[in-house]
Amino acid sequence: MRQRSGILMVVSLSTMALLVGLPGLAAGFSGGPRNSTSELVPACATCHAMPKVEYAPERPAAAATAQLIENNHYKDLEAGSGEYGLISADKRKALLEQVKWVDQNSSVSLKAPASAKPGQTIEVTVETKGGIGPSVGILLGDTPLRYLARSIAFDGWYIVGAPKVIGPDGKEQTWWLDQRANEKKNVSFLLVQAKADVEKKVLPTTKVTWNVRAPIDPGTYTITAGFLYGTEEPDELKTGKMELAPGGYQGKSGRVLFSEPVKVTVK
């Protein structure tokens, strides 16, 4: 991730979250926020293709369609565009099959109470399946919009304490939050260690639970989970070195996926 005019911008392709796996070393996606443990929104992940044009209703139809997985990634793999041209046709075909398998079997869901009193603390749980790993990004937003979603804090929700993160092995993870420079760990975005077993065709699952305090103003609010994951297995998963996924910096192997919005009535 490069910093330009004070704005963090994603400049590569790859998976939302390449974690090298070395003790004490945090990693984000290839070229992305490996050590940024602050808040992120879906708009940051410019290298992530999306599955629905409805994620970008404010964009011209052609621009939104160009961001779809099929147009923004699959076609490049099929044609051997960019750095994919360095890969043989048979290996590109195998990689495309793997990518489609990850996409077809990745999902995210969100659970929250249908109502709350003003200022009441409720529990919000996000569950994910998929992503090539070795980690994935999860966030809480207000709407399932690629470029317009905001953190739920902008709607008056307050995240109480650190979220509880359960990895694919059923054990709690704190590594991402432990990198925070202070005691404030009530963030709405985080990475979770979650690696797929490609040979066994097993995708990882995660579960993150937040305690959030409802807005003080009565009304109906929406909460949506954002799921940022990768589809191409980078060489570093095998070598332990920081290396790019097969598509290089110009590939679009990352994904942004939203859960169905949940309405919470505050009264």
Protein backbone atom coordinates (compact mmCIF):
# COMPACT_ATOMS: atom_id res chain seq x y z
CA MET A 1 0.00 0.00 0.00
CA ARG A 2 1.32 3.42 -0.94
CA GLN A 3 0.57 6.68 0.76
CA ARG A 4 -0.35 9.51 -1.57
CA SER A 5 -1.49 12.93 -0.32
CA GLY A 6 -2.16 11.45 3.06
CA ILE A 7 -4.54 8.82 1.69
CA LEU A 8 -3.69 5.16 1.94
CA MET A 9 -4.23 3.57 -1.42
CA VAL A 10 -4.09 -0.04 -2.47
CA VAL A 11 -1.87 -0.50 -5.47
CA SER A 12 -1.63 -4.24 -6.03
CA LEU A 13 -3.83 -7.16 -6.81
CA SER A 14 -3.80 -10.05 -4.64
CA THR A 15 -5.40 -11.56 -1.69
CA MET A 16 -6.81 -9.56 1.10
CA ALA A 17 -4.32 -10.79 3.42
CA LEU A 18 -1.14 -12.53 2.75
CA LEU A 19 0.17 -13.57 6.10
CA VAL A 20 3.66 -14.96 5.83
CA GLY A 21 3.21 -17.07 8.93
CA LEU A 22 6.45 -16.11 10.62
CA PRO A 23 6.09 -15.46 14.39
CA GLY A 24 5.42 -11.81 15.17
CA LEU A 25 5.18 -10.77 11.53
CA ALA A 26 1.86 -9.31 10.44
CA ALA A 27 0.96 -9.18 6.81
CA GLY A 28 -1.90 -7.78 4.79
CA PHE A 29 -2.53 -8.54 1.17
CA SER A 30 0.25 -8.44 -1.37
CA GLY A 31 1.20 -4.78 -1.58
CA GLY A 32 -1.51 -3.89 0.91
CA PRO A 33 -1.91 -2.99 4.61
CA ARG A 34 0.35 -5.58 6.17
CA ASN A 35 0.74 -3.56 9.33
CA SER A 36 -2.21 -1.17 9.21
CA THR A 37 -4.32 -2.14 12.21
CA SER A 38 -6.57 0.88 11.92
CA GLU A 39 -9.95 1.18 10.20
CA LEU A 40 -10.40 0.30 6.53
CA VAL A 41 -13.41 0.40 4.23
CA PRO A 42 -14.15 -1.58 1.02
CA ALA A 43 -13.20 1.39 -1.16
CA CYS A 44 -9.59 0.94 -0.03
CA ALA A 45 -9.38 -2.42 -1.80
CA THR A 46 -9.24 -1.09 -5.35
CA CYS A 47 -7.56 -4.29 -6.49
CA HIS A 48 -10.52 -6.42 -5.40
CA ALA A 49 -13.08 -7.45 -8.03
CA MET A 50 -16.76 -7.71 -7.03
CA PRO A 51 -19.52 -10.23 -7.83
CA LYS A 52 -22.46 -7.81 -8.28
CA VAL A 53 -22.98 -4.52 -10.13
CA GLU A 54 -25.38 -3.60 -7.33
CA TYR A 55 -22.32 -2.97 -5.15
CA ALA A 56 -21.63 0.21 -7.16
CA PRO A 57 -24.98 1.80 -8.09
CA GLU A 58 -23.45 5.28 -8.28
CA ARG A 59 -21.07 4.26 -11.07
CA PRO A 60 -21.93 4.32 -14.78
CA ALA A 61 -23.17 0.89 -15.88
CA ALA A 62 -20.07 0.19 -17.97
CA ALA A 63 -17.73 1.13 -15.11
CA ALA A 64 -19.57 -1.06 -12.63
CA THR A 65 -19.68 -3.99 -15.06
CA ALA A 66 -15.93 -3.68 -15.63
CA GLN A 67 -15.39 -4.31 -11.92
CA LEU A 68 -17.14 -7.68 -11.99
CA ILE A 69 -15.08 -10.79 -11.26
CA GLU A 70 -15.59 -12.20 -14.76
CA ASN A 71 -14.47 -9.01 -16.49
CA ASN A 72 -11.87 -7.81 -14.02
CA HIS A 73 -10.02 -11.08 -13.43
CA TYR A 74 -11.22 -14.17 -15.29
CA LYS A 75 -10.74 -12.59 -18.72
CA ASP A 76 -7.14 -11.65 -17.96
CA LEU A 77 -6.39 -15.20 -16.86
CA GLU A 78 -8.02 -16.67 -19.94
CA ALA A 79 -6.23 -14.29 -22.30
CA GLY A 80 -2.88 -14.33 -20.54
CA SER A 81 -2.91 -10.55 -20.13
CA GLY A 82 -0.22 -8.76 -18.14
CA GLU A 83 1.91 -10.96 -15.92
CA TYR A 84 -0.43 -13.88 -16.59
CA GLY A 85 1.33 -14.01 -19.94
CA LEU A 86 4.36 -15.40 -18.12
CA ILE A 87 2.31 -18.43 -17.12
CA SER A 88 1.78 -21.33 -19.52
CA ALA A 89 -1.72 -21.87 -20.90
CA ASP A 90 -2.23 -25.15 -19.03
CA LYS A 91 -1.19 -23.59 -15.72
CA ARG A 92 -3.44 -20.59 -16.32
CA LYS A 93 -6.33 -22.96 -16.95
CA ALA A 94 -5.66 -24.80 -13.69
CA LEU A 95 -5.33 -21.50 -11.82
CA LEU A 96 -8.62 -20.26 -13.25
CA GLU A 97 -10.36 -23.43 -12.10
CA GLN A 98 -8.95 -22.90 -8.61
CA VAL A 99 -10.01 -19.25 -8.58
CA LYS A 100 -13.56 -20.12 -9.64
CA TRP A 101 -13.72 -22.82 -6.97
CA VAL A 102 -12.77 -20.28 -4.30
CA ASP A 103 -15.32 -17.76 -5.58
CA GLN A 104 -18.15 -20.26 -5.87
CA ASN A 105 -17.68 -21.48 -2.33
CA SER A 106 -16.90 -18.26 -0.44
CA SER A 107 -19.58 -16.57 1.62
CA VAL A 108 -20.24 -14.16 4.48
CA SER A 109 -23.22 -13.76 6.81
CA LEU A 110 -24.14 -11.42 9.64
CA LYS A 111 -26.41 -11.93 12.64
CA ALA A 112 -27.77 -9.19 14.89
CA PRO A 113 -30.93 -8.58 16.96
CA ALA A 114 -33.85 -7.05 15.09
CA SER A 115 -34.26 -4.32 17.70
CA ALA A 116 -32.43 -2.51 20.48
CA LYS A 117 -33.03 0.30 22.91
CA PRO A 118 -31.11 3.56 22.47
CA GLY A 119 -27.66 3.07 23.98
CA GLN A 120 -28.18 -0.67 24.51
CA THR A 121 -25.23 -2.97 23.84
CA ILE A 122 -26.00 -5.80 21.43
CA GLU A 123 -23.99 -8.63 19.91
CA VAL A 124 -23.18 -8.72 16.19
CA THR A 125 -21.64 -11.88 14.72
CA VAL A 126 -20.04 -12.30 11.31
CA GLU A 127 -19.22 -15.72 9.87
CA THR A 128 -17.18 -16.29 6.74
CA LYS A 129 -16.18 -19.20 4.58
CA GLY A 130 -13.59 -19.09 1.86
CA GLY A 131 -10.62 -17.18 0.62
CA ILE A 132 -7.31 -18.75 -0.35
CA GLY A 133 -5.60 -17.18 2.66
CA PRO A 134 -3.52 -17.39 4.61
CA SER A 135 -5.76 -14.69 6.05
CA VAL A 136 -8.90 -12.73 5.21
CA GLY A 137 -10.25 -9.27 6.00
CA ILE A 138 -13.56 -8.67 7.79
CA LEU A 139 -15.27 -5.38 8.55
CA LEU A 140 -18.53 -3.93 9.81
CA GLY A 141 -20.18 -1.31 7.59
CA ASP A 142 -23.52 0.35 7.12
CA THR A 143 -24.39 -0.71 3.56
CA PRO A 144 -23.29 -3.28 0.95
CA LEU A 145 -21.77 -0.63 -1.31
CA ARG A 146 -18.25 -0.96 -2.70
CA TYR A 147 -17.33 2.71 -2.77
CA LEU A 148 -19.88 4.31 -0.44
CA ALA A 149 -19.92 2.02 2.61
CA ARG A 150 -18.86 3.55 5.92
CA SER A 151 -17.93 2.14 9.29
CA ILE A 152 -20.98 1.66 11.49
CA ALA A 153 -19.51 4.31 13.81
CA PHE A 154 -20.75 6.96 11.38
CA ASP A 155 -24.31 5.89 12.14
CA GLY A 156 -23.81 6.33 15.85
CA TRP A 157 -22.87 2.77 16.80
CA TYR A 158 -20.04 2.41 19.28
CA ILE A 159 -17.87 -0.69 19.31
CA VAL A 160 -17.44 -1.82 22.90
CA GLY A 161 -14.06 -3.43 23.48
CA ALA A 162 -12.15 -5.76 21.20
CA PRO A 163 -14.00 -8.14 18.86
CA LYS A 164 -13.70 -11.84 19.62
CA VAL A 165 -12.04 -13.63 16.71
CA ILE A 166 -12.33 -17.38 16.16
CA GLY A 167 -10.18 -18.94 13.46
CA PRO A 168 -10.72 -22.06 11.35
CA ASP A 169 -9.32 -24.26 14.12
CA GLY A 170 -11.97 -23.05 16.56
CA LYS A 171 -9.40 -21.18 18.65
CA GLU A 172 -9.42 -17.49 19.52
CA GLN A 173 -6.97 -15.23 17.68
CA THR A 174 -5.58 -11.99 19.06
CA TRP A 175 -2.49 -11.45 16.86
CA TRP A 176 -4.01 -8.68 14.75
CA LEU A 177 -5.34 -6.71 17.71
CA ASP A 178 -2.13 -7.25 19.68
CA GLN A 179 -0.33 -5.04 17.14
CA ARG A 180 -2.27 -2.00 18.25
CA ALA A 181 0.05 0.59 19.75
CA ASN A 182 -2.40 1.44 22.52
CA GLU A 183 -5.10 -0.27 24.54
CA LYS A 184 -7.91 0.76 22.21
CA LYS A 185 -8.81 -2.38 20.30
CA ASN A 186 -12.43 -1.56 19.48
CA VAL A 187 -11.92 -1.60 15.71
CA SER A 188 -14.46 -2.49 13.03
CA PHE A 189 -11.86 -3.95 10.63
CA LEU A 190 -9.41 -6.78 11.19
CA LEU A 191 -7.53 -9.63 9.57
CA VAL A 192 -8.07 -13.25 10.54
CA GLN A 193 -5.61 -16.06 9.88
CA ALA A 194 -7.48 -18.42 7.58
CA LYS A 195 -5.73 -20.59 5.01
CA ALA A 196 -7.34 -22.91 2.47
CA ASP A 197 -6.18 -26.46 1.85
CA VAL A 198 -6.26 -26.48 -1.94
CA GLU A 199 -5.27 -30.12 -2.33
CA LYS A 200 -8.01 -31.32 0.02
CA LYS A 201 -10.51 -28.78 -1.34
CA VAL A 202 -11.19 -27.33 2.11
CA LEU A 203 -11.87 -23.62 2.57
CA PRO A 204 -11.37 -21.94 5.95
CA THR A 205 -14.15 -20.61 8.15
CA THR A 206 -14.02 -17.74 10.64
CA LYS A 207 -16.29 -16.18 13.24
CA VAL A 208 -15.98 -12.66 14.62
CA THR A 209 -18.23 -11.27 17.35
CA TRP A 210 -18.52 -7.58 18.18
CA ASN A 211 -20.33 -5.94 21.09
CA VAL A 212 -21.78 -2.67 19.80
CA ARG A 213 -23.71 0.04 21.58
CA ALA A 214 -26.79 1.21 19.70
CA PRO A 215 -27.20 4.83 18.54
CA ILE A 216 -29.04 7.17 20.90
CA ASP A 217 -31.34 8.39 18.12
CA PRO A 218 -34.39 6.19 17.43
CA GLY A 219 -34.69 4.84 13.90
CA THR A 220 -33.98 1.88 11.64
CA TYR A 221 -30.33 1.20 10.91
CA THR A 222 -28.60 -1.29 8.63
CA ILE A 223 -25.45 -3.22 9.41
CA THR A 224 -23.50 -5.13 6.76
CA ALA A 225 -20.37 -7.26 6.91
CA GLY A 226 -17.65 -6.82 4.32
CA PHE A 227 -15.49 -9.83 3.42
CA LEU A 228 -12.16 -9.23 1.68
CA TYR A 229 -10.39 -12.34 0.43
CA GLY A 230 -7.97 -13.62 -2.18
CA THR A 231 -8.25 -16.33 -4.80
CA GLU A 232 -4.70 -16.93 -6.02
CA GLU A 233 -2.27 -18.92 -3.94
CA PRO A 234 0.97 -16.91 -3.78
CA ASP A 235 4.33 -18.64 -3.84
CA GLU A 236 5.05 -17.34 -0.36
CA LEU A 237 2.55 -19.81 1.05
CA LYS A 238 5.09 -22.44 0.10
CA THR A 239 8.39 -20.57 0.46
CA GLY A 240 7.69 -18.41 3.51
CA LYS A 241 9.01 -15.35 1.65
CA MET A 242 7.13 -12.20 0.76
CA GLU A 243 6.25 -12.86 -2.87
CA LEU A 244 3.39 -11.82 -5.11
CA ALA A 245 0.50 -13.95 -6.26
CA PRO A 246 0.74 -15.18 -9.90
CA GLY A 247 -1.00 -12.12 -11.36
CA GLY A 248 1.59 -9.70 -10.01
CA TYR A 249 0.82 -6.09 -9.11
CA GLN A 250 -1.66 -5.62 -11.95
CA GLY A 251 -3.74 -8.71 -11.28
CA LYS A 252 -7.20 -8.53 -9.76
CA SER A 253 -7.33 -11.72 -7.73
CA GLY A 254 -8.73 -10.07 -4.58
CA ARG A 255 -12.47 -10.00 -3.86
CA VAL A 256 -14.90 -7.81 -1.96
CA LEU A 257 -18.07 -9.59 -0.86
CA PHE A 258 -20.89 -8.30 1.34
CA SER A 259 -23.37 -10.03 3.60
CA GLU A 260 -27.05 -9.29 3.31
CA PRO A 261 -27.79 -6.12 5.31
CA VAL A 262 -29.49 -6.63 8.67
CA LYS A 263 -31.97 -4.00 9.84
CA VAL A 264 -31.92 -3.06 13.50
CA THR A 265 -34.71 -0.88 14.83
CA VAL A 266 -33.65 1.38 17.70
CA LYS A 267 -36.61 2.46 19.81
